[in-house]
């Protein structure tokens, strides 16, 4: 009984942390455009996200000199991949809320897990697609010849895709476990 209570309590903590993470990452991403010192490693807080940091750190990009509308657009464009990740984290939150309620082998649980895996894939793809758009956006007021179209593919992308595939595979295994649990419940 004690381990069940502990599992329920830990599931509630994870669900709450997932919601906090969603809010924090979206707010910090936007704030790092308007307050670039937040994202700087030396002398700053070091709070930024990969896509935002790549653009803010680009040679020739002076975030402080950009007009407000350009900063707002940059914050919105760089938030697009994070919205996919936020969706995934909300799926994780829903999954752990079910676990906190003692619902381990329900069909909606594997759905949440599979949507989490798919959200990770969407996050990687959207990050790759939004980077050139954001590069053009932040350099659009630069003189001709100084505007940049950027693309990057880094090792963490492949790790994220591998983890997404693992999460989706585990979701399918959980689906099978739910089916077996339902069959067993019919015999009881």
N, C-alpha and C. Protein backbone atom coordinates (compact mmCIF):
# COMPACT_ATOMS: atom_id res chain seq x y z
N UNK A 1 0.83 -1.20 0.00
CA UNK A 1 0.00 0.00 0.00
C UNK A 1 0.86 1.25 0.00
N UNK A 2 1.97 1.20 0.74
CA UNK A 2 2.84 2.37 0.84
C UNK A 2 3.48 2.70 -0.50
N UNK A 3 3.89 1.67 -1.27
CA UNK A 3 4.51 1.92 -2.58
C UNK A 3 3.51 2.51 -3.55
N UNK A 4 2.22 2.12 -3.42
CA UNK A 4 1.18 2.68 -4.28
C UNK A 4 0.98 4.15 -3.98
N UNK A 5 0.97 4.50 -2.68
CA UNK A 5 0.85 5.91 -2.30
C UNK A 5 2.04 6.71 -2.80
N UNK A 6 3.22 6.13 -2.70
CA UNK A 6 4.43 6.80 -3.16
C UNK A 6 4.41 6.99 -4.68
N UNK A 7 3.95 5.98 -5.39
CA UNK A 7 3.85 6.06 -6.84
C UNK A 7 2.84 7.13 -7.25
N UNK A 8 1.72 7.19 -6.57
CA UNK A 8 0.70 8.20 -6.87
C UNK A 8 1.24 9.60 -6.58
N UNK A 9 1.92 9.76 -5.47
CA UNK A 9 2.48 11.07 -5.09
C UNK A 9 3.56 11.50 -6.10
N UNK A 10 4.45 10.57 -6.47
CA UNK A 10 5.50 10.90 -7.44
C UNK A 10 4.90 11.24 -8.81
N UNK A 11 3.83 10.54 -9.18
CA UNK A 11 3.16 10.84 -10.44
C UNK A 11 2.55 12.23 -10.42
N UNK A 12 2.01 12.63 -9.28
CA UNK A 12 1.46 13.98 -9.15
C UNK A 12 2.57 15.03 -9.26
N UNK A 13 3.71 14.76 -8.67
CA UNK A 13 4.85 15.69 -8.76
C UNK A 13 5.31 15.84 -10.21
N UNK A 14 5.40 14.73 -10.92
CA UNK A 14 5.85 14.78 -12.31
C UNK A 14 4.83 15.53 -13.16
N UNK A 15 3.55 15.31 -12.92
CA UNK A 15 2.50 16.02 -13.66
C UNK A 15 2.60 17.53 -13.42
N UNK A 16 2.82 17.91 -12.17
CA UNK A 16 2.96 19.34 -11.85
C UNK A 16 4.22 19.93 -12.47
N UNK A 17 5.33 19.16 -12.43
CA UNK A 17 6.58 19.64 -13.01
C UNK A 17 6.46 19.81 -14.51
N UNK A 18 5.72 18.94 -15.18
CA UNK A 18 5.53 19.05 -16.63
C UNK A 18 4.80 20.35 -16.98
N UNK A 19 3.79 20.69 -16.20
CA UNK A 19 3.05 21.94 -16.44
C UNK A 19 3.95 23.15 -16.19
N UNK A 20 4.72 23.10 -15.13
CA UNK A 20 5.64 24.19 -14.82
C UNK A 20 6.68 24.35 -15.93
N UNK A 21 7.17 23.25 -16.46
CA UNK A 21 8.15 23.27 -17.53
C UNK A 21 7.58 23.90 -18.80
N UNK A 22 6.34 23.59 -19.13
CA UNK A 22 5.68 24.17 -20.31
C UNK A 22 5.66 25.69 -20.20
N UNK A 23 5.17 26.18 -19.08
CA UNK A 23 5.06 27.63 -18.89
C UNK A 23 6.45 28.27 -18.88
N UNK A 24 7.38 27.69 -18.16
CA UNK A 24 8.72 28.27 -18.04
C UNK A 24 9.44 28.34 -19.38
N UNK A 25 9.37 27.28 -20.18
CA UNK A 25 10.13 27.31 -21.44
C UNK A 25 9.56 28.32 -22.41
N UNK A 26 8.25 28.49 -22.46
CA UNK A 26 7.66 29.48 -23.37
C UNK A 26 7.96 30.91 -22.91
N UNK A 27 7.85 31.14 -21.61
CA UNK A 27 8.14 32.48 -21.08
C UNK A 27 9.62 32.82 -21.22
N UNK A 28 10.50 31.89 -20.87
CA UNK A 28 11.94 32.15 -20.96
C UNK A 28 12.40 32.34 -22.40
N UNK A 29 11.79 31.61 -23.33
CA UNK A 29 12.17 31.79 -24.73
C UNK A 29 11.82 33.19 -25.20
N UNK A 30 10.62 33.64 -24.92
CA UNK A 30 10.22 35.00 -25.32
C UNK A 30 11.07 36.04 -24.60
N UNK A 31 11.30 35.84 -23.32
CA UNK A 31 12.09 36.81 -22.55
C UNK A 31 13.53 36.90 -23.05
N UNK A 32 14.08 35.80 -23.55
CA UNK A 32 15.47 35.83 -24.01
C UNK A 32 15.64 36.67 -25.28
N UNK A 33 14.56 36.92 -25.99
CA UNK A 33 14.63 37.83 -27.14
C UNK A 33 14.61 39.29 -26.69
N UNK A 34 13.77 39.60 -25.72
CA UNK A 34 13.64 40.98 -25.26
C UNK A 34 14.70 41.37 -24.25
N UNK A 35 15.24 40.37 -23.56
CA UNK A 35 16.31 40.58 -22.58
C UNK A 35 17.44 39.60 -22.89
N UNK A 36 18.25 39.89 -23.90
CA UNK A 36 19.25 38.91 -24.36
C UNK A 36 20.27 38.51 -23.31
N UNK A 37 20.46 39.30 -22.26
CA UNK A 37 21.40 38.93 -21.21
C UNK A 37 20.97 37.65 -20.50
N UNK A 38 19.68 37.33 -20.55
CA UNK A 38 19.20 36.09 -19.93
C UNK A 38 19.83 34.87 -20.59
N UNK A 39 20.09 34.95 -21.89
CA UNK A 39 20.61 33.81 -22.61
C UNK A 39 22.12 33.73 -22.67
N UNK A 40 22.80 34.77 -22.26
CA UNK A 40 24.26 34.77 -22.34
C UNK A 40 24.85 33.90 -21.26
N UNK A 41 25.89 33.15 -21.65
CA UNK A 41 26.56 32.27 -20.69
C UNK A 41 27.41 33.03 -19.71
N UNK A 42 28.27 33.90 -20.21
CA UNK A 42 29.16 34.68 -19.34
C UNK A 42 28.50 36.01 -19.01
N UNK A 43 28.32 36.27 -17.74
CA UNK A 43 27.72 37.52 -17.30
C UNK A 43 26.21 37.53 -17.39
N UNK A 44 25.61 36.48 -17.91
CA UNK A 44 24.16 36.38 -18.01
C UNK A 44 23.67 35.18 -17.25
N UNK A 45 22.39 34.91 -17.41
CA UNK A 45 21.79 33.80 -16.68
C UNK A 45 21.97 32.46 -17.41
N UNK A 46 22.28 32.50 -18.70
CA UNK A 46 22.46 31.25 -19.46
C UNK A 46 21.16 30.53 -19.72
N UNK A 47 20.04 31.26 -19.68
CA UNK A 47 18.72 30.66 -19.88
C UNK A 47 18.24 30.93 -21.30
N UNK A 48 18.48 30.01 -22.19
CA UNK A 48 17.97 30.15 -23.55
C UNK A 48 17.78 28.77 -24.15
N UNK A 49 17.17 28.76 -25.30
CA UNK A 49 16.91 27.52 -26.00
C UNK A 49 17.73 27.49 -27.27
N UNK A 50 17.99 26.29 -27.77
CA UNK A 50 18.95 26.09 -28.86
C UNK A 50 18.69 27.00 -30.06
N UNK A 51 17.47 27.02 -30.56
CA UNK A 51 17.18 27.82 -31.75
C UNK A 51 17.37 29.31 -31.46
N UNK A 52 16.85 29.77 -30.35
CA UNK A 52 17.01 31.17 -29.98
C UNK A 52 18.47 31.52 -29.79
N UNK A 53 19.21 30.67 -29.10
CA UNK A 53 20.62 30.94 -28.84
C UNK A 53 21.43 30.97 -30.13
N UNK A 54 21.12 30.09 -31.07
CA UNK A 54 21.84 30.10 -32.35
C UNK A 54 21.62 31.40 -33.09
N UNK A 55 20.40 31.93 -33.04
CA UNK A 55 20.10 33.17 -33.76
C UNK A 55 20.66 34.39 -33.04
N UNK A 56 20.52 34.43 -31.73
CA UNK A 56 21.03 35.58 -30.96
C UNK A 56 22.55 35.62 -31.03
N UNK A 57 23.19 34.45 -31.07
CA UNK A 57 24.64 34.40 -31.12
C UNK A 57 25.23 34.54 -32.52
N UNK A 58 24.37 34.65 -33.55
CA UNK A 58 24.86 34.76 -34.92
C UNK A 58 25.65 36.06 -35.12
N UNK A 59 26.71 35.96 -35.88
CA UNK A 59 27.52 37.14 -36.18
C UNK A 59 26.67 38.15 -36.96
N UNK A 60 26.75 39.39 -36.57
CA UNK A 60 26.03 40.44 -37.27
C UNK A 60 24.61 40.66 -36.80
N UNK A 61 24.14 39.90 -35.84
CA UNK A 61 22.79 40.07 -35.32
C UNK A 61 22.86 40.79 -33.99
N UNK A 62 22.30 41.99 -33.96
CA UNK A 62 22.26 42.78 -32.74
C UNK A 62 20.81 42.85 -32.27
N UNK A 63 20.47 42.01 -31.33
CA UNK A 63 19.09 41.92 -30.85
C UNK A 63 18.63 43.24 -30.24
N UNK A 64 19.51 43.92 -29.55
CA UNK A 64 19.13 45.17 -28.89
C UNK A 64 18.79 46.27 -29.89
N UNK A 65 19.29 46.17 -31.12
CA UNK A 65 19.03 47.19 -32.14
C UNK A 65 17.77 46.89 -32.96
N UNK A 66 17.17 45.73 -32.76
CA UNK A 66 15.99 45.37 -33.55
C UNK A 66 14.76 46.14 -33.06
N UNK A 67 13.87 46.50 -34.00
CA UNK A 67 12.60 47.11 -33.58
C UNK A 67 11.73 46.09 -32.84
N UNK A 68 10.80 46.58 -32.07
CA UNK A 68 9.97 45.71 -31.24
C UNK A 68 9.21 44.67 -32.06
N UNK A 69 8.71 45.05 -33.25
CA UNK A 69 7.94 44.13 -34.06
C UNK A 69 8.80 42.98 -34.58
N UNK A 70 10.07 43.27 -34.83
CA UNK A 70 10.98 42.21 -35.29
C UNK A 70 11.30 41.26 -34.14
N UNK A 71 11.48 41.81 -32.96
CA UNK A 71 11.71 40.96 -31.78
C UNK A 71 10.49 40.08 -31.48
N UNK A 72 9.31 40.69 -31.58
CA UNK A 72 8.09 39.92 -31.34
C UNK A 72 7.95 38.79 -32.36
N UNK A 73 8.23 39.09 -33.62
CA UNK A 73 8.18 38.05 -34.66
C UNK A 73 9.19 36.95 -34.40
N UNK A 74 10.40 37.34 -33.98
CA UNK A 74 11.44 36.35 -33.69
C UNK A 74 11.02 35.46 -32.51
N UNK A 75 10.44 36.08 -31.49
CA UNK A 75 9.97 35.30 -30.34
C UNK A 75 8.88 34.32 -30.75
N UNK A 76 7.98 34.77 -31.61
CA UNK A 76 6.89 33.89 -32.06
C UNK A 76 7.42 32.75 -32.93
N UNK A 77 8.31 33.06 -33.88
CA UNK A 77 8.85 32.02 -34.75
C UNK A 77 9.63 30.99 -33.95
N UNK A 78 10.45 31.47 -33.01
CA UNK A 78 11.25 30.53 -32.22
C UNK A 78 10.40 29.73 -31.23
N UNK A 79 9.17 30.19 -30.98
CA UNK A 79 8.27 29.46 -30.08
C UNK A 79 7.52 28.33 -30.78
N UNK A 80 7.51 28.33 -32.10
CA UNK A 80 6.75 27.30 -32.82
C UNK A 80 7.23 25.89 -32.47
N UNK A 81 8.55 25.59 -32.54
CA UNK A 81 8.97 24.24 -32.12
C UNK A 81 8.68 23.96 -30.65
N UNK A 82 8.77 25.00 -29.83
CA UNK A 82 8.51 24.80 -28.39
C UNK A 82 7.04 24.49 -28.13
N UNK A 83 6.15 24.98 -28.99
CA UNK A 83 4.74 24.65 -28.83
C UNK A 83 4.50 23.16 -29.07
N UNK A 84 5.24 22.58 -30.01
CA UNK A 84 5.14 21.13 -30.22
C UNK A 84 5.63 20.39 -28.99
N UNK A 85 6.73 20.86 -28.42
CA UNK A 85 7.24 20.21 -27.20
C UNK A 85 6.28 20.44 -26.03
N UNK A 86 5.67 21.62 -25.97
CA UNK A 86 4.69 21.89 -24.91
C UNK A 86 3.52 20.91 -25.00
N UNK A 87 3.07 20.64 -26.22
CA UNK A 87 2.00 19.67 -26.41
C UNK A 87 2.43 18.30 -25.89
N UNK A 88 3.65 17.91 -26.20
CA UNK A 88 4.17 16.64 -25.71
C UNK A 88 4.23 16.60 -24.19
N UNK A 89 4.68 17.68 -23.59
CA UNK A 89 4.75 17.72 -22.13
C UNK A 89 3.36 17.69 -21.50
N UNK A 90 2.38 18.30 -22.16
CA UNK A 90 1.01 18.23 -21.65
C UNK A 90 0.46 16.80 -21.77
N UNK A 91 0.89 16.07 -22.79
CA UNK A 91 0.51 14.66 -22.90
C UNK A 91 1.16 13.85 -21.76
N UNK A 92 2.41 14.17 -21.47
CA UNK A 92 3.11 13.52 -20.35
C UNK A 92 2.40 13.83 -19.04
N UNK A 93 1.97 15.07 -18.89
CA UNK A 93 1.23 15.47 -17.68
C UNK A 93 -0.06 14.66 -17.56
N UNK A 94 -0.79 14.53 -18.66
CA UNK A 94 -2.05 13.77 -18.63
C UNK A 94 -1.79 12.30 -18.29
N UNK A 95 -0.70 11.75 -18.83
CA UNK A 95 -0.34 10.36 -18.54
C UNK A 95 -0.07 10.18 -17.05
N UNK A 96 0.72 11.05 -16.46
CA UNK A 96 1.06 10.90 -15.05
C UNK A 96 -0.11 11.25 -14.13
N UNK A 97 -1.03 12.05 -14.59
CA UNK A 97 -2.24 12.29 -13.80
C UNK A 97 -3.08 11.02 -13.75
N UNK A 98 -3.11 10.29 -14.87
CA UNK A 98 -3.82 9.00 -14.86
C UNK A 98 -3.13 8.03 -13.91
N UNK A 99 -1.82 7.99 -13.97
CA UNK A 99 -1.07 7.11 -13.07
C UNK A 99 -1.31 7.50 -11.61
N UNK A 100 -1.39 8.79 -11.34
CA UNK A 100 -1.63 9.25 -9.97
C UNK A 100 -2.99 8.76 -9.47
N UNK A 101 -3.94 8.60 -10.40
CA UNK A 101 -5.26 8.09 -10.04
C UNK A 101 -5.35 6.58 -10.01
N UNK A 102 -4.21 5.91 -10.22
CA UNK A 102 -4.19 4.45 -10.19
C UNK A 102 -4.61 3.79 -11.49
N UNK A 103 -4.73 4.56 -12.55
CA UNK A 103 -5.13 4.03 -13.86
C UNK A 103 -3.89 3.73 -14.69
N UNK A 104 -3.39 2.52 -14.56
CA UNK A 104 -2.14 2.15 -15.22
C UNK A 104 -2.37 1.50 -16.58
N UNK A 105 -3.37 0.64 -16.67
CA UNK A 105 -3.60 -0.11 -17.90
C UNK A 105 -4.90 0.31 -18.57
N UNK A 106 -4.97 1.57 -18.92
CA UNK A 106 -6.12 2.09 -19.65
C UNK A 106 -5.65 2.49 -21.04
N UNK A 107 -6.56 2.38 -21.99
CA UNK A 107 -6.18 2.63 -23.38
C UNK A 107 -5.75 4.07 -23.64
N UNK A 108 -6.27 5.01 -22.90
CA UNK A 108 -5.86 6.40 -23.12
C UNK A 108 -4.41 6.64 -22.69
N UNK A 109 -3.88 5.79 -21.80
CA UNK A 109 -2.49 5.96 -21.34
C UNK A 109 -1.51 5.79 -22.49
N UNK A 110 -1.68 4.74 -23.28
CA UNK A 110 -0.74 4.56 -24.38
C UNK A 110 -0.92 5.65 -25.44
N UNK A 111 -2.14 6.18 -25.56
CA UNK A 111 -2.37 7.29 -26.50
C UNK A 111 -1.57 8.53 -26.10
N UNK A 112 -1.56 8.82 -24.79
CA UNK A 112 -0.78 9.96 -24.31
C UNK A 112 0.71 9.75 -24.58
N UNK A 113 1.16 8.53 -24.35
CA UNK A 113 2.59 8.26 -24.54
C UNK A 113 2.97 8.33 -26.02
N UNK A 114 2.12 7.81 -26.88
CA UNK A 114 2.43 7.86 -28.31
C UNK A 114 2.42 9.31 -28.81
N UNK A 115 1.47 10.11 -28.33
CA UNK A 115 1.43 11.53 -28.72
C UNK A 115 2.65 12.27 -28.21
N UNK A 116 3.18 11.88 -27.06
CA UNK A 116 4.43 12.47 -26.56
C UNK A 116 5.56 12.18 -27.54
N UNK A 117 5.70 10.94 -27.96
CA UNK A 117 6.75 10.58 -28.92
C UNK A 117 6.61 11.34 -30.23
N UNK A 118 5.39 11.44 -30.72
CA UNK A 118 5.16 12.17 -31.97
C UNK A 118 5.44 13.67 -31.80
N UNK A 119 5.16 14.20 -30.62
CA UNK A 119 5.45 15.62 -30.36
C UNK A 119 6.96 15.88 -30.37
N UNK A 120 7.74 14.93 -29.89
CA UNK A 120 9.20 15.08 -29.92
C UNK A 120 9.68 15.11 -31.36
N UNK A 121 9.14 14.24 -32.20
CA UNK A 121 9.49 14.25 -33.62
C UNK A 121 9.10 15.59 -34.24
N UNK A 122 7.90 16.07 -33.94
CA UNK A 122 7.44 17.36 -34.48
C UNK A 122 8.35 18.49 -34.02
N UNK A 123 8.79 18.44 -32.77
CA UNK A 123 9.68 19.47 -32.24
C UNK A 123 10.99 19.52 -33.03
N UNK A 124 11.56 18.35 -33.31
CA UNK A 124 12.82 18.28 -34.07
C UNK A 124 12.61 18.82 -35.49
N UNK A 125 11.53 18.39 -36.15
CA UNK A 125 11.26 18.82 -37.52
C UNK A 125 10.99 20.33 -37.56
N UNK A 126 10.17 20.82 -36.65
CA UNK A 126 9.85 22.25 -36.63
C UNK A 126 11.07 23.10 -36.30
N UNK A 127 11.94 22.61 -35.45
CA UNK A 127 13.18 23.34 -35.15
C UNK A 127 14.02 23.47 -36.42
N UNK A 128 14.11 22.38 -37.19
CA UNK A 128 14.88 22.39 -38.44
C UNK A 128 14.25 23.33 -39.47
N UNK A 129 12.91 23.35 -39.56
CA UNK A 129 12.21 24.19 -40.53
C UNK A 129 12.22 25.66 -40.12
N UNK A 130 12.06 25.92 -38.84
CA UNK A 130 11.98 27.31 -38.37
C UNK A 130 13.32 28.02 -38.37
N UNK A 131 14.42 27.28 -38.32
CA UNK A 131 15.73 27.93 -38.27
C UNK A 131 16.00 28.82 -39.48
N UNK A 132 15.80 28.36 -40.72
CA UNK A 132 16.05 29.26 -41.85
C UNK A 132 15.08 30.44 -41.88
N UNK A 133 13.83 30.19 -41.50
CA UNK A 133 12.84 31.27 -41.47
C UNK A 133 13.27 32.33 -40.45
N UNK A 134 13.70 31.87 -39.29
CA UNK A 134 14.13 32.80 -38.25
C UNK A 134 15.41 33.53 -38.65
N UNK A 135 16.32 32.83 -39.31
CA UNK A 135 17.55 33.47 -39.78
C UNK A 135 17.25 34.60 -40.74
N UNK A 136 16.33 34.36 -41.66
CA UNK A 136 15.93 35.43 -42.58
C UNK A 136 15.22 36.55 -41.85
N UNK A 137 14.40 36.20 -40.88
CA UNK A 137 13.63 37.20 -40.14
C UNK A 137 14.55 38.15 -39.36
N UNK A 138 15.51 37.61 -38.65
CA UNK A 138 16.36 38.48 -37.80
C UNK A 138 17.38 39.27 -38.61
N UNK A 139 17.62 38.87 -39.87
CA UNK A 139 18.59 39.61 -40.69
C UNK A 139 17.91 40.37 -41.83
N UNK A 140 16.59 40.46 -41.84
CA UNK A 140 15.90 41.09 -42.96
C UNK A 140 16.19 42.58 -43.08
N UNK A 141 16.53 43.25 -42.01
CA UNK A 141 16.84 44.68 -42.07
C UNK A 141 18.32 44.94 -42.31
N UNK A 142 19.10 43.89 -42.38
CA UNK A 142 20.54 44.04 -42.65
C UNK A 142 20.74 44.41 -44.12
N UNK A 143 21.86 45.05 -44.43
CA UNK A 143 22.13 45.39 -45.84
C UNK A 143 22.23 44.13 -46.70
N UNK A 144 21.96 44.30 -47.97
CA UNK A 144 22.07 43.19 -48.91
C UNK A 144 23.46 42.59 -48.82
N UNK A 145 23.52 41.27 -48.81
CA UNK A 145 24.79 40.57 -48.68
C UNK A 145 25.09 40.18 -47.24
N UNK A 146 24.34 40.74 -46.28
CA UNK A 146 24.54 40.39 -44.87
C UNK A 146 23.35 39.63 -44.29
N UNK A 147 22.38 39.35 -45.11
CA UNK A 147 21.23 38.57 -44.68
C UNK A 147 21.63 37.10 -44.69
N UNK A 148 21.06 36.32 -43.75
CA UNK A 148 21.51 34.94 -43.61
C UNK A 148 20.36 33.94 -43.67
N UNK A 149 20.64 32.87 -44.36
CA UNK A 149 19.77 31.70 -44.38
C UNK A 149 20.58 30.59 -43.71
N UNK A 150 20.12 30.12 -42.57
CA UNK A 150 20.91 29.16 -41.80
C UNK A 150 20.21 27.82 -41.70
N UNK A 151 21.00 26.79 -41.65
CA UNK A 151 20.54 25.43 -41.41
C UNK A 151 21.55 24.75 -40.52
N UNK A 152 21.08 23.94 -39.60
CA UNK A 152 22.03 23.17 -38.79
C UNK A 152 21.38 21.85 -38.39
N UNK A 153 22.21 20.88 -38.27
CA UNK A 153 21.79 19.55 -37.83
C UNK A 153 22.87 19.08 -36.86
N UNK A 154 22.49 18.97 -35.59
CA UNK A 154 23.45 18.65 -34.54
C UNK A 154 23.17 17.28 -33.96
N UNK A 155 24.16 16.66 -33.32
CA UNK A 155 23.97 15.31 -32.74
C UNK A 155 22.77 15.18 -31.78
N UNK A 156 22.44 16.19 -30.97
CA UNK A 156 21.27 16.02 -30.10
C UNK A 156 19.97 15.77 -30.85
N UNK A 157 19.90 16.21 -32.10
CA UNK A 157 18.71 15.95 -32.91
C UNK A 157 18.51 14.45 -33.11
N UNK A 158 19.59 13.75 -33.39
CA UNK A 158 19.49 12.31 -33.61
C UNK A 158 19.15 11.57 -32.32
N UNK A 159 19.65 12.07 -31.21
CA UNK A 159 19.32 11.47 -29.92
C UNK A 159 17.84 11.69 -29.62
N UNK A 160 17.34 12.89 -29.88
CA UNK A 160 15.92 13.18 -29.66
C UNK A 160 15.03 12.29 -30.53
N UNK A 161 15.42 12.10 -31.79
CA UNK A 161 14.63 11.23 -32.67
C UNK A 161 14.67 9.78 -32.20
N UNK A 162 15.82 9.33 -31.73
CA UNK A 162 15.93 7.97 -31.20
C UNK A 162 15.04 7.80 -29.96
N UNK A 163 15.08 8.78 -29.06
CA UNK A 163 14.24 8.71 -27.87
C UNK A 163 12.75 8.76 -28.22
N UNK A 164 12.41 9.56 -29.23
CA UNK A 164 11.02 9.61 -29.67
C UNK A 164 10.58 8.24 -30.20
N UNK A 165 11.44 7.60 -30.97
CA UNK A 165 11.11 6.26 -31.48
C UNK A 165 10.95 5.28 -30.32
N UNK A 166 11.79 5.39 -29.30
CA UNK A 166 11.67 4.51 -28.13
C UNK A 166 10.36 4.75 -27.39
N UNK A 167 9.98 6.01 -27.21
CA UNK A 167 8.73 6.34 -26.51
C UNK A 167 7.54 5.78 -27.29
N UNK A 168 7.56 5.94 -28.61
CA UNK A 168 6.46 5.41 -29.44
C UNK A 168 6.41 3.88 -29.34
N UNK A 169 7.57 3.23 -29.36
CA UNK A 169 7.61 1.77 -29.24
C UNK A 169 7.08 1.32 -27.88
N UNK A 170 7.45 2.02 -26.82
CA UNK A 170 6.96 1.69 -25.48
C UNK A 170 5.44 1.92 -25.40
N UNK A 171 4.96 2.94 -26.10
CA UNK A 171 3.52 3.19 -26.14
C UNK A 171 2.79 2.01 -26.78
N UNK A 172 3.37 1.48 -27.84
CA UNK A 172 2.75 0.32 -28.50
C UNK A 172 2.78 -0.91 -27.59
N UNK A 173 3.85 -1.06 -26.83
CA UNK A 173 3.93 -2.16 -25.86
C UNK A 173 2.87 -1.97 -24.78
N UNK A 174 2.71 -0.74 -24.32
CA UNK A 174 1.69 -0.43 -23.32
C UNK A 174 0.29 -0.71 -23.87
N UNK A 175 0.10 -0.43 -25.16
CA UNK A 175 -1.19 -0.74 -25.79
C UNK A 175 -1.47 -2.24 -25.71
N UNK A 176 -0.47 -3.04 -26.01
CA UNK A 176 -0.62 -4.50 -25.94
C UNK A 176 -0.89 -4.93 -24.50
N UNK A 177 -0.20 -4.32 -23.54
CA UNK A 177 -0.42 -4.65 -22.13
C UNK A 177 -1.85 -4.28 -21.71
N UNK A 178 -2.37 -3.18 -22.22
CA UNK A 178 -3.75 -2.79 -21.91
C UNK A 178 -4.74 -3.80 -22.48
N UNK A 179 -4.45 -4.27 -23.70
CA UNK A 179 -5.32 -5.29 -24.31
C UNK A 179 -5.31 -6.57 -23.48
N UNK A 180 -4.12 -7.01 -23.06
CA UNK A 180 -4.01 -8.21 -22.23
C UNK A 180 -4.70 -8.03 -20.88
N UNK A 181 -4.56 -6.84 -20.30
CA UNK A 181 -5.21 -6.55 -19.02
C UNK A 181 -6.73 -6.63 -19.17
N UNK A 182 -7.25 -6.08 -20.27
CA UNK A 182 -8.69 -6.12 -20.51
C UNK A 182 -9.17 -7.57 -20.68
N UNK A 183 -8.39 -8.38 -21.38
CA UNK A 183 -8.75 -9.79 -21.54
C UNK A 183 -8.76 -10.50 -20.20
N UNK A 184 -7.75 -10.24 -19.38
CA UNK A 184 -7.66 -10.88 -18.07
C UNK A 184 -8.82 -10.46 -17.17
N UNK A 185 -9.25 -9.23 -17.29
CA UNK A 185 -10.35 -8.74 -16.45
C UNK A 185 -11.67 -9.43 -16.83
N UNK A 186 -11.81 -9.85 -18.08
CA UNK A 186 -13.02 -10.56 -18.49
C UNK A 186 -13.12 -11.94 -17.85
N UNK A 187 -11.97 -12.55 -17.55
CA UNK A 187 -11.97 -13.88 -16.94
C UNK A 187 -12.16 -13.82 -15.42
N UNK A 188 -11.93 -12.66 -14.84
CA UNK A 188 -12.03 -12.54 -13.39
C UNK A 188 -13.43 -12.32 -12.94
